[in-house]
Amino acid sequence: MSSYEVELPDLAAMESFAGRIAERLRAGDALALSGSLGTGKTTLARFILRCLGQSGEIPSPTFTIVELYEALRIPAVHADFYRLETPGELEEIGLDDYRQGAVLLAEWPERAGGFTHESGCLSVTLDFTEEGRVASVEGNSDWLERLP
């Protein structure tokens, strides 16, 4: 596992970071987006979806839990697990079915039991700083040669 930090002083920096992630994504990857409310998880996910080719609306999956984007460079599943009571609810949602051949952008991954056990998991934790935000990035084995 490899880790580092990326300073994100403004939206342009976050968009650039999202572009670097999107360039390196592969089907089967999980992007675990963590951080407190308002740190920019949904914003980062939206920038990544734009970079993958989504031109239409990108609603927050807070209430639907899962949003699918199939007509992209790589199909993507954008999920927000904030409302899950237990990780067992993932079976009811059928997340594994959605993930086949797709990339998973997972907000609040810890509420879904986490994805760090997967070799294709890239964990990004967003925090506020005096200068804006910082992303703490950790890549599992599949990410060692392609960290953004």
N, C-alpha and C. Protein backbone atom coordinates (compact mmCIF):
# COMPACT_ATOMS: atom_id res chain seq x y z
N MET A 1 0.85 -1.18 0.00
CA MET A 1 0.00 0.00 0.00
C MET A 1 0.89 1.23 0.00
N SER A 2 0.49 2.20 -0.82
CA SER A 2 1.24 3.44 -0.92
C SER A 2 0.32 4.60 -0.56
N SER A 3 0.87 5.62 0.12
CA SER A 3 0.02 6.74 0.52
C SER A 3 0.75 8.07 0.38
N TYR A 4 -0.03 9.13 0.17
CA TYR A 4 0.49 10.48 0.05
C TYR A 4 -0.66 11.46 0.20
N GLU A 5 -0.36 12.76 0.20
CA GLU A 5 -1.39 13.80 0.32
C GLU A 5 -1.34 14.72 -0.89
N VAL A 6 -2.53 15.25 -1.24
CA VAL A 6 -2.66 16.20 -2.34
C VAL A 6 -3.39 17.42 -1.78
N GLU A 7 -2.76 18.59 -1.92
CA GLU A 7 -3.40 19.85 -1.51
C GLU A 7 -4.46 20.22 -2.54
N LEU A 8 -5.65 20.58 -2.06
CA LEU A 8 -6.75 20.98 -2.93
C LEU A 8 -7.26 22.35 -2.48
N PRO A 9 -6.56 23.43 -2.85
CA PRO A 9 -6.91 24.76 -2.36
C PRO A 9 -8.21 25.31 -2.96
N ASP A 10 -8.63 24.79 -4.14
CA ASP A 10 -9.82 25.32 -4.78
C ASP A 10 -10.45 24.25 -5.68
N LEU A 11 -11.58 24.61 -6.31
CA LEU A 11 -12.28 23.66 -7.17
C LEU A 11 -11.46 23.25 -8.39
N ALA A 12 -10.66 24.16 -8.91
CA ALA A 12 -9.81 23.82 -10.06
C ALA A 12 -8.82 22.71 -9.70
N ALA A 13 -8.26 22.78 -8.50
CA ALA A 13 -7.32 21.73 -8.05
C ALA A 13 -8.06 20.41 -7.86
N MET A 14 -9.29 20.47 -7.34
CA MET A 14 -10.06 19.24 -7.16
C MET A 14 -10.43 18.65 -8.51
N GLU A 15 -10.77 19.49 -9.47
CA GLU A 15 -11.11 19.00 -10.81
C GLU A 15 -9.89 18.36 -11.48
N SER A 16 -8.72 18.95 -11.32
CA SER A 16 -7.49 18.39 -11.87
C SER A 16 -7.17 17.04 -11.23
N PHE A 17 -7.31 16.95 -9.92
CA PHE A 17 -7.09 15.70 -9.20
C PHE A 17 -8.07 14.64 -9.70
N ALA A 18 -9.34 15.00 -9.88
CA ALA A 18 -10.35 14.07 -10.39
C ALA A 18 -9.96 13.56 -11.77
N GLY A 19 -9.42 14.45 -12.60
CA GLY A 19 -8.98 14.04 -13.94
C GLY A 19 -7.87 13.01 -13.89
N ARG A 20 -6.94 13.20 -12.97
CA ARG A 20 -5.83 12.23 -12.83
C ARG A 20 -6.36 10.88 -12.36
N ILE A 21 -7.34 10.89 -11.46
CA ILE A 21 -7.94 9.63 -11.01
C ILE A 21 -8.67 8.97 -12.18
N ALA A 22 -9.51 9.73 -12.86
CA ALA A 22 -10.33 9.18 -13.95
C ALA A 22 -9.47 8.55 -15.04
N GLU A 23 -8.34 9.16 -15.36
CA GLU A 23 -7.43 8.63 -16.39
C GLU A 23 -6.94 7.24 -16.04
N ARG A 24 -6.83 6.95 -14.76
CA ARG A 24 -6.21 5.71 -14.31
C ARG A 24 -7.20 4.64 -13.88
N LEU A 25 -8.49 4.97 -13.84
CA LEU A 25 -9.50 4.01 -13.40
C LEU A 25 -9.63 2.85 -14.37
N ARG A 26 -9.91 1.67 -13.80
CA ARG A 26 -10.16 0.46 -14.59
C ARG A 26 -11.44 -0.19 -14.05
N ALA A 27 -12.11 -0.92 -14.93
CA ALA A 27 -13.29 -1.67 -14.49
C ALA A 27 -12.90 -2.55 -13.32
N GLY A 28 -13.75 -2.59 -12.31
CA GLY A 28 -13.49 -3.39 -11.11
C GLY A 28 -12.89 -2.60 -9.97
N ASP A 29 -12.38 -1.40 -10.25
CA ASP A 29 -11.81 -0.56 -9.20
C ASP A 29 -12.90 -0.05 -8.25
N ALA A 30 -12.49 0.21 -7.03
CA ALA A 30 -13.36 0.88 -6.05
C ALA A 30 -12.63 2.12 -5.57
N LEU A 31 -13.29 3.26 -5.68
CA LEU A 31 -12.75 4.51 -5.16
C LEU A 31 -13.53 4.80 -3.89
N ALA A 32 -12.87 4.66 -2.74
CA ALA A 32 -13.50 4.87 -1.44
C ALA A 32 -13.29 6.31 -1.01
N LEU A 33 -14.38 7.09 -0.99
CA LEU A 33 -14.32 8.52 -0.68
C LEU A 33 -14.81 8.75 0.74
N SER A 34 -13.91 9.16 1.62
CA SER A 34 -14.24 9.38 3.02
C SER A 34 -14.01 10.84 3.40
N GLY A 35 -14.54 11.22 4.54
CA GLY A 35 -14.39 12.57 5.05
C GLY A 35 -15.70 13.02 5.68
N SER A 36 -15.62 14.04 6.50
CA SER A 36 -16.82 14.52 7.18
C SER A 36 -17.75 15.21 6.19
N LEU A 37 -18.95 15.54 6.64
CA LEU A 37 -19.92 16.23 5.80
C LEU A 37 -19.33 17.51 5.24
N GLY A 38 -19.54 17.74 3.95
CA GLY A 38 -19.12 18.98 3.33
C GLY A 38 -17.69 19.07 2.87
N THR A 39 -16.93 17.98 2.97
CA THR A 39 -15.51 18.04 2.57
C THR A 39 -15.31 17.91 1.06
N GLY A 40 -16.35 17.51 0.33
CA GLY A 40 -16.24 17.47 -1.12
C GLY A 40 -16.27 16.10 -1.77
N LYS A 41 -16.77 15.09 -1.07
CA LYS A 41 -16.83 13.74 -1.63
C LYS A 41 -17.69 13.72 -2.90
N THR A 42 -18.88 14.29 -2.83
CA THR A 42 -19.78 14.29 -3.99
C THR A 42 -19.19 15.14 -5.10
N THR A 43 -18.60 16.26 -4.78
CA THR A 43 -17.99 17.12 -5.79
C THR A 43 -16.89 16.38 -6.53
N LEU A 44 -16.03 15.69 -5.80
CA LEU A 44 -14.95 14.92 -6.43
C LEU A 44 -15.53 13.83 -7.32
N ALA A 45 -16.54 13.11 -6.82
CA ALA A 45 -17.17 12.05 -7.62
C ALA A 45 -17.77 12.63 -8.89
N ARG A 46 -18.43 13.77 -8.80
CA ARG A 46 -19.03 14.41 -9.99
C ARG A 46 -17.95 14.79 -11.01
N PHE A 47 -16.84 15.35 -10.54
CA PHE A 47 -15.75 15.69 -11.45
C PHE A 47 -15.22 14.44 -12.15
N ILE A 48 -15.08 13.35 -11.42
CA ILE A 48 -14.61 12.09 -12.01
C ILE A 48 -15.59 11.60 -13.07
N LEU A 49 -16.88 11.63 -12.76
CA LEU A 49 -17.89 11.19 -13.73
C LEU A 49 -17.85 12.06 -14.99
N ARG A 50 -17.64 13.36 -14.83
CA ARG A 50 -17.51 14.25 -15.99
C ARG A 50 -16.29 13.83 -16.83
N CYS A 51 -15.20 13.54 -16.16
CA CYS A 51 -13.98 13.13 -16.87
C CYS A 51 -14.15 11.79 -17.59
N LEU A 52 -15.04 10.95 -17.08
CA LEU A 52 -15.32 9.66 -17.72
C LEU A 52 -16.31 9.80 -18.87
N GLY A 53 -16.88 11.00 -19.03
CA GLY A 53 -17.76 11.23 -20.18
C GLY A 53 -19.20 11.56 -19.87
N GLN A 54 -19.58 11.70 -18.62
CA GLN A 54 -20.97 12.04 -18.28
C GLN A 54 -21.22 13.50 -18.60
N SER A 55 -22.17 13.77 -19.48
CA SER A 55 -22.44 15.15 -19.86
C SER A 55 -23.74 15.67 -19.25
N GLY A 56 -24.63 14.79 -18.86
CA GLY A 56 -25.91 15.21 -18.29
C GLY A 56 -25.82 15.45 -16.79
N GLU A 57 -26.98 15.53 -16.19
CA GLU A 57 -27.09 15.77 -14.75
C GLU A 57 -26.41 14.65 -13.96
N ILE A 58 -25.84 15.01 -12.83
CA ILE A 58 -25.23 14.03 -11.92
C ILE A 58 -25.84 14.27 -10.54
N PRO A 59 -26.96 13.63 -10.26
CA PRO A 59 -27.59 13.83 -8.95
C PRO A 59 -26.78 13.16 -7.84
N SER A 60 -26.89 13.70 -6.65
CA SER A 60 -26.28 13.05 -5.50
C SER A 60 -27.05 11.78 -5.19
N PRO A 61 -26.36 10.67 -4.94
CA PRO A 61 -27.06 9.43 -4.62
C PRO A 61 -27.46 9.31 -3.14
N THR A 62 -27.52 10.43 -2.43
CA THR A 62 -27.84 10.38 -1.01
C THR A 62 -29.15 9.65 -0.74
N PHE A 63 -30.17 9.91 -1.53
CA PHE A 63 -31.48 9.29 -1.27
C PHE A 63 -31.69 8.01 -2.05
N THR A 64 -31.15 7.92 -3.26
CA THR A 64 -31.30 6.69 -4.06
C THR A 64 -30.26 5.65 -3.67
N ILE A 65 -29.23 6.03 -2.99
CA ILE A 65 -28.07 5.24 -2.56
C ILE A 65 -27.16 4.88 -3.73
N VAL A 66 -27.72 4.48 -4.87
CA VAL A 66 -26.90 4.09 -6.02
C VAL A 66 -27.40 4.79 -7.28
N GLU A 67 -26.47 5.36 -8.05
CA GLU A 67 -26.76 5.93 -9.37
C GLU A 67 -25.84 5.23 -10.37
N LEU A 68 -26.40 4.80 -11.49
CA LEU A 68 -25.63 4.10 -12.52
C LEU A 68 -25.34 5.01 -13.69
N TYR A 69 -24.13 4.86 -14.24
CA TYR A 69 -23.70 5.61 -15.42
C TYR A 69 -23.06 4.59 -16.36
N GLU A 70 -23.85 4.10 -17.31
CA GLU A 70 -23.39 3.00 -18.15
C GLU A 70 -22.73 3.44 -19.46
N ALA A 71 -23.05 4.63 -19.95
CA ALA A 71 -22.56 5.06 -21.26
C ALA A 71 -21.31 5.94 -21.13
N LEU A 72 -20.37 5.50 -20.33
CA LEU A 72 -19.12 6.24 -20.12
C LEU A 72 -17.95 5.44 -20.67
N ARG A 73 -16.77 6.03 -20.64
CA ARG A 73 -15.55 5.31 -21.05
C ARG A 73 -15.44 4.00 -20.29
N ILE A 74 -15.74 4.05 -19.00
CA ILE A 74 -15.87 2.86 -18.15
C ILE A 74 -17.20 3.04 -17.43
N PRO A 75 -18.09 2.05 -17.46
CA PRO A 75 -19.33 2.19 -16.69
C PRO A 75 -19.00 2.48 -15.22
N ALA A 76 -19.84 3.29 -14.59
CA ALA A 76 -19.57 3.68 -13.20
C ALA A 76 -20.83 3.55 -12.35
N VAL A 77 -20.59 3.22 -11.09
CA VAL A 77 -21.62 3.17 -10.07
C VAL A 77 -21.22 4.21 -9.03
N HIS A 78 -22.08 5.21 -8.83
CA HIS A 78 -21.83 6.22 -7.80
C HIS A 78 -22.77 5.90 -6.65
N ALA A 79 -22.20 5.59 -5.50
CA ALA A 79 -22.99 5.17 -4.34
C ALA A 79 -22.69 6.05 -3.14
N ASP A 80 -23.72 6.34 -2.38
CA ASP A 80 -23.58 7.09 -1.13
C ASP A 80 -24.18 6.23 -0.04
N PHE A 81 -23.33 5.69 0.81
CA PHE A 81 -23.76 4.73 1.83
C PHE A 81 -24.11 5.39 3.17
N TYR A 82 -24.21 6.70 3.19
CA TYR A 82 -24.47 7.43 4.44
C TYR A 82 -25.71 6.91 5.17
N ARG A 83 -26.75 6.58 4.44
CA ARG A 83 -28.02 6.18 5.05
C ARG A 83 -28.09 4.70 5.43
N LEU A 84 -27.08 3.92 5.14
CA LEU A 84 -27.11 2.50 5.51
C LEU A 84 -27.02 2.34 7.02
N GLU A 85 -27.85 1.46 7.53
CA GLU A 85 -27.81 1.14 8.96
C GLU A 85 -26.72 0.10 9.23
N THR A 86 -26.62 -0.91 8.33
CA THR A 86 -25.63 -1.97 8.48
C THR A 86 -25.08 -2.33 7.10
N PRO A 87 -23.85 -2.85 7.04
CA PRO A 87 -23.29 -3.28 5.76
C PRO A 87 -24.12 -4.38 5.09
N GLY A 88 -24.88 -5.13 5.87
CA GLY A 88 -25.72 -6.19 5.31
C GLY A 88 -26.77 -5.69 4.34
N GLU A 89 -27.11 -4.41 4.41
CA GLU A 89 -28.09 -3.85 3.49
C GLU A 89 -27.60 -3.83 2.05
N LEU A 90 -26.29 -4.00 1.84
CA LEU A 90 -25.75 -4.03 0.48
C LEU A 90 -26.33 -5.18 -0.33
N GLU A 91 -26.61 -6.30 0.33
CA GLU A 91 -27.20 -7.43 -0.38
C GLU A 91 -28.57 -7.08 -0.90
N GLU A 92 -29.36 -6.35 -0.10
CA GLU A 92 -30.70 -5.93 -0.53
C GLU A 92 -30.61 -5.01 -1.73
N ILE A 93 -29.61 -4.16 -1.77
CA ILE A 93 -29.42 -3.21 -2.86
C ILE A 93 -28.92 -3.93 -4.12
N GLY A 94 -28.19 -5.02 -3.94
CA GLY A 94 -27.61 -5.75 -5.07
C GLY A 94 -26.38 -5.07 -5.64
N LEU A 95 -25.57 -4.48 -4.79
CA LEU A 95 -24.39 -3.73 -5.23
C LEU A 95 -23.47 -4.55 -6.11
N ASP A 96 -23.25 -5.81 -5.77
CA ASP A 96 -22.33 -6.65 -6.56
C ASP A 96 -22.78 -6.75 -8.01
N ASP A 97 -24.09 -6.82 -8.24
CA ASP A 97 -24.60 -6.90 -9.61
C ASP A 97 -24.28 -5.62 -10.38
N TYR A 98 -24.43 -4.47 -9.75
CA TYR A 98 -24.15 -3.20 -10.38
C TYR A 98 -22.67 -3.05 -10.72
N ARG A 99 -21.81 -3.62 -9.91
CA ARG A 99 -20.37 -3.42 -10.04
C ARG A 99 -19.73 -4.21 -11.16
N GLN A 100 -20.40 -5.22 -11.70
CA GLN A 100 -19.82 -6.06 -12.75
C GLN A 100 -19.37 -5.19 -13.92
N GLY A 101 -18.08 -5.17 -14.22
CA GLY A 101 -17.54 -4.43 -15.34
C GLY A 101 -17.53 -2.92 -15.16
N ALA A 102 -17.74 -2.46 -13.94
CA ALA A 102 -17.84 -1.02 -13.67
C ALA A 102 -16.85 -0.60 -12.61
N VAL A 103 -16.72 0.71 -12.49
CA VAL A 103 -15.95 1.33 -11.42
C VAL A 103 -16.94 1.74 -10.33
N LEU A 104 -16.57 1.60 -9.08
CA LEU A 104 -17.41 2.03 -7.97
C LEU A 104 -16.84 3.29 -7.35
N LEU A 105 -17.65 4.36 -7.31
CA LEU A 105 -17.30 5.58 -6.58
C LEU A 105 -18.14 5.56 -5.32
N ALA A 106 -17.52 5.24 -4.18
CA ALA A 106 -18.26 4.98 -2.94
C ALA A 106 -18.04 6.07 -1.91
N GLU A 107 -19.10 6.82 -1.62
CA GLU A 107 -19.06 7.79 -0.54
C GLU A 107 -19.48 7.09 0.76
N TRP A 108 -18.85 7.45 1.86
CA TRP A 108 -19.09 6.83 3.16
C TRP A 108 -18.87 5.31 3.09
N PRO A 109 -17.73 4.86 2.56
CA PRO A 109 -17.49 3.42 2.39
C PRO A 109 -17.50 2.63 3.70
N GLU A 110 -17.13 3.30 4.79
CA GLU A 110 -17.09 2.59 6.07
C GLU A 110 -18.48 2.10 6.49
N ARG A 111 -19.54 2.75 6.05
CA ARG A 111 -20.91 2.32 6.39
C ARG A 111 -21.33 1.09 5.58
N ALA A 112 -20.54 0.78 4.56
CA ALA A 112 -20.81 -0.40 3.73
C ALA A 112 -19.82 -1.53 4.05
N GLY A 113 -19.07 -1.38 5.11
CA GLY A 113 -18.09 -2.39 5.49
C GLY A 113 -16.71 -2.14 4.91
N GLY A 114 -16.58 -1.10 4.09
CA GLY A 114 -15.28 -0.74 3.52
C GLY A 114 -14.92 -1.55 2.30
N PHE A 115 -13.95 -1.07 1.57
CA PHE A 115 -13.49 -1.72 0.35
C PHE A 115 -11.97 -1.88 0.34
N THR A 116 -11.32 -1.54 1.45
CA THR A 116 -9.85 -1.57 1.49
C THR A 116 -9.29 -2.99 1.39
N HIS A 117 -10.13 -4.00 1.55
CA HIS A 117 -9.67 -5.38 1.38
C HIS A 117 -9.52 -5.75 -0.10
N GLU A 118 -10.04 -4.90 -1.00
CA GLU A 118 -9.96 -5.16 -2.43
C GLU A 118 -8.66 -4.60 -3.00
N SER A 119 -7.99 -5.38 -3.84
CA SER A 119 -6.72 -4.92 -4.41
C SER A 119 -6.89 -3.70 -5.30
N GLY A 120 -8.08 -3.50 -5.87
CA GLY A 120 -8.34 -2.37 -6.74
C GLY A 120 -8.94 -1.17 -6.05
N CYS A 121 -8.75 -1.09 -4.73
CA CYS A 121 -9.31 0.03 -3.98
C CYS A 121 -8.31 1.18 -3.87
N LEU A 122 -8.80 2.38 -4.22
CA LEU A 122 -8.07 3.63 -3.99
C LEU A 122 -8.88 4.40 -2.96
N SER A 123 -8.28 4.64 -1.81
CA SER A 123 -8.97 5.36 -0.73
C SER A 123 -8.55 6.82 -0.75
N VAL A 124 -9.54 7.71 -0.73
CA VAL A 124 -9.28 9.15 -0.69
C VAL A 124 -10.08 9.71 0.48
N THR A 125 -9.36 10.27 1.45
CA THR A 125 -10.00 10.90 2.59
C THR A 125 -9.80 12.40 2.48
N LEU A 126 -10.91 13.13 2.45
CA LEU A 126 -10.87 14.58 2.30
C LEU A 126 -11.02 15.25 3.66
N ASP A 127 -10.20 16.25 3.91
CA ASP A 127 -10.24 17.02 5.15
C ASP A 127 -10.10 18.50 4.83
N PHE A 128 -10.65 19.34 5.71
CA PHE A 128 -10.49 20.78 5.59
C PHE A 128 -9.12 21.19 6.11
N THR A 129 -8.53 22.21 5.48
CA THR A 129 -7.30 22.82 5.97
C THR A 129 -7.51 24.33 5.92
N GLU A 130 -6.56 25.08 6.44
CA GLU A 130 -6.65 26.54 6.37
C GLU A 130 -6.61 27.03 4.92
N GLU A 131 -5.96 26.26 4.05
CA GLU A 131 -5.81 26.64 2.64
C GLU A 131 -6.90 26.07 1.75
N GLY A 132 -7.86 25.33 2.29
CA GLY A 132 -8.91 24.71 1.49
C GLY A 132 -9.18 23.29 1.96
N ARG A 133 -8.69 22.34 1.17
CA ARG A 133 -8.86 20.93 1.51
C ARG A 133 -7.56 20.18 1.21
N VAL A 134 -7.47 19.00 1.80
CA VAL A 134 -6.37 18.10 1.49
C VAL A 134 -6.96 16.71 1.30
N ALA A 135 -6.41 15.97 0.33
CA ALA A 135 -6.82 14.59 0.09
C ALA A 135 -5.69 13.68 0.53
N SER A 136 -6.00 12.78 1.45
CA SER A 136 -5.06 11.73 1.84
C SER A 136 -5.39 10.52 0.98
N VAL A 137 -4.42 10.07 0.20
CA VAL A 137 -4.64 9.03 -0.80
C VAL A 137 -3.88 7.78 -0.42
N GLU A 138 -4.56 6.63 -0.47
CA GLU A 138 -3.91 5.34 -0.23
C GLU A 138 -4.34 4.38 -1.32
N GLY A 139 -3.36 3.82 -2.01
CA GLY A 139 -3.65 2.88 -3.08
C GLY A 139 -3.25 1.47 -2.71
N ASN A 140 -4.14 0.54 -2.96
CA ASN A 140 -3.83 -0.86 -2.74
C ASN A 140 -2.97 -1.39 -3.89
N SER A 141 -2.67 -2.67 -3.89
CA SER A 141 -1.68 -3.25 -4.81
C SER A 141 -1.96 -2.96 -6.28
N ASP A 142 -3.21 -2.97 -6.72
CA ASP A 142 -3.51 -2.70 -8.13
C ASP A 142 -3.22 -1.25 -8.52
N TRP A 143 -3.06 -0.38 -7.55
CA TRP A 143 -2.85 1.05 -7.82
C TRP A 143 -1.38 1.48 -7.73
N LEU A 144 -0.50 0.59 -7.32
CA LEU A 144 0.89 0.99 -7.07
C LEU A 144 1.57 1.63 -8.26
N GLU A 145 1.27 1.18 -9.48
CA GLU A 145 1.92 1.72 -10.68
C GLU A 145 1.11 2.81 -11.35
N ARG A 146 -0.06 3.17 -10.78
CA ARG A 146 -0.90 4.16 -11.45
C ARG A 146 -1.52 5.18 -10.51
N LEU A 147 -0.87 5.45 -9.40
CA LEU A 147 -1.41 6.43 -8.46
C LEU A 147 -1.56 7.80 -9.11
N PRO A 148 -2.68 8.48 -8.82
CA PRO A 148 -2.92 9.80 -9.43
C PRO A 148 -2.08 10.90 -8.79
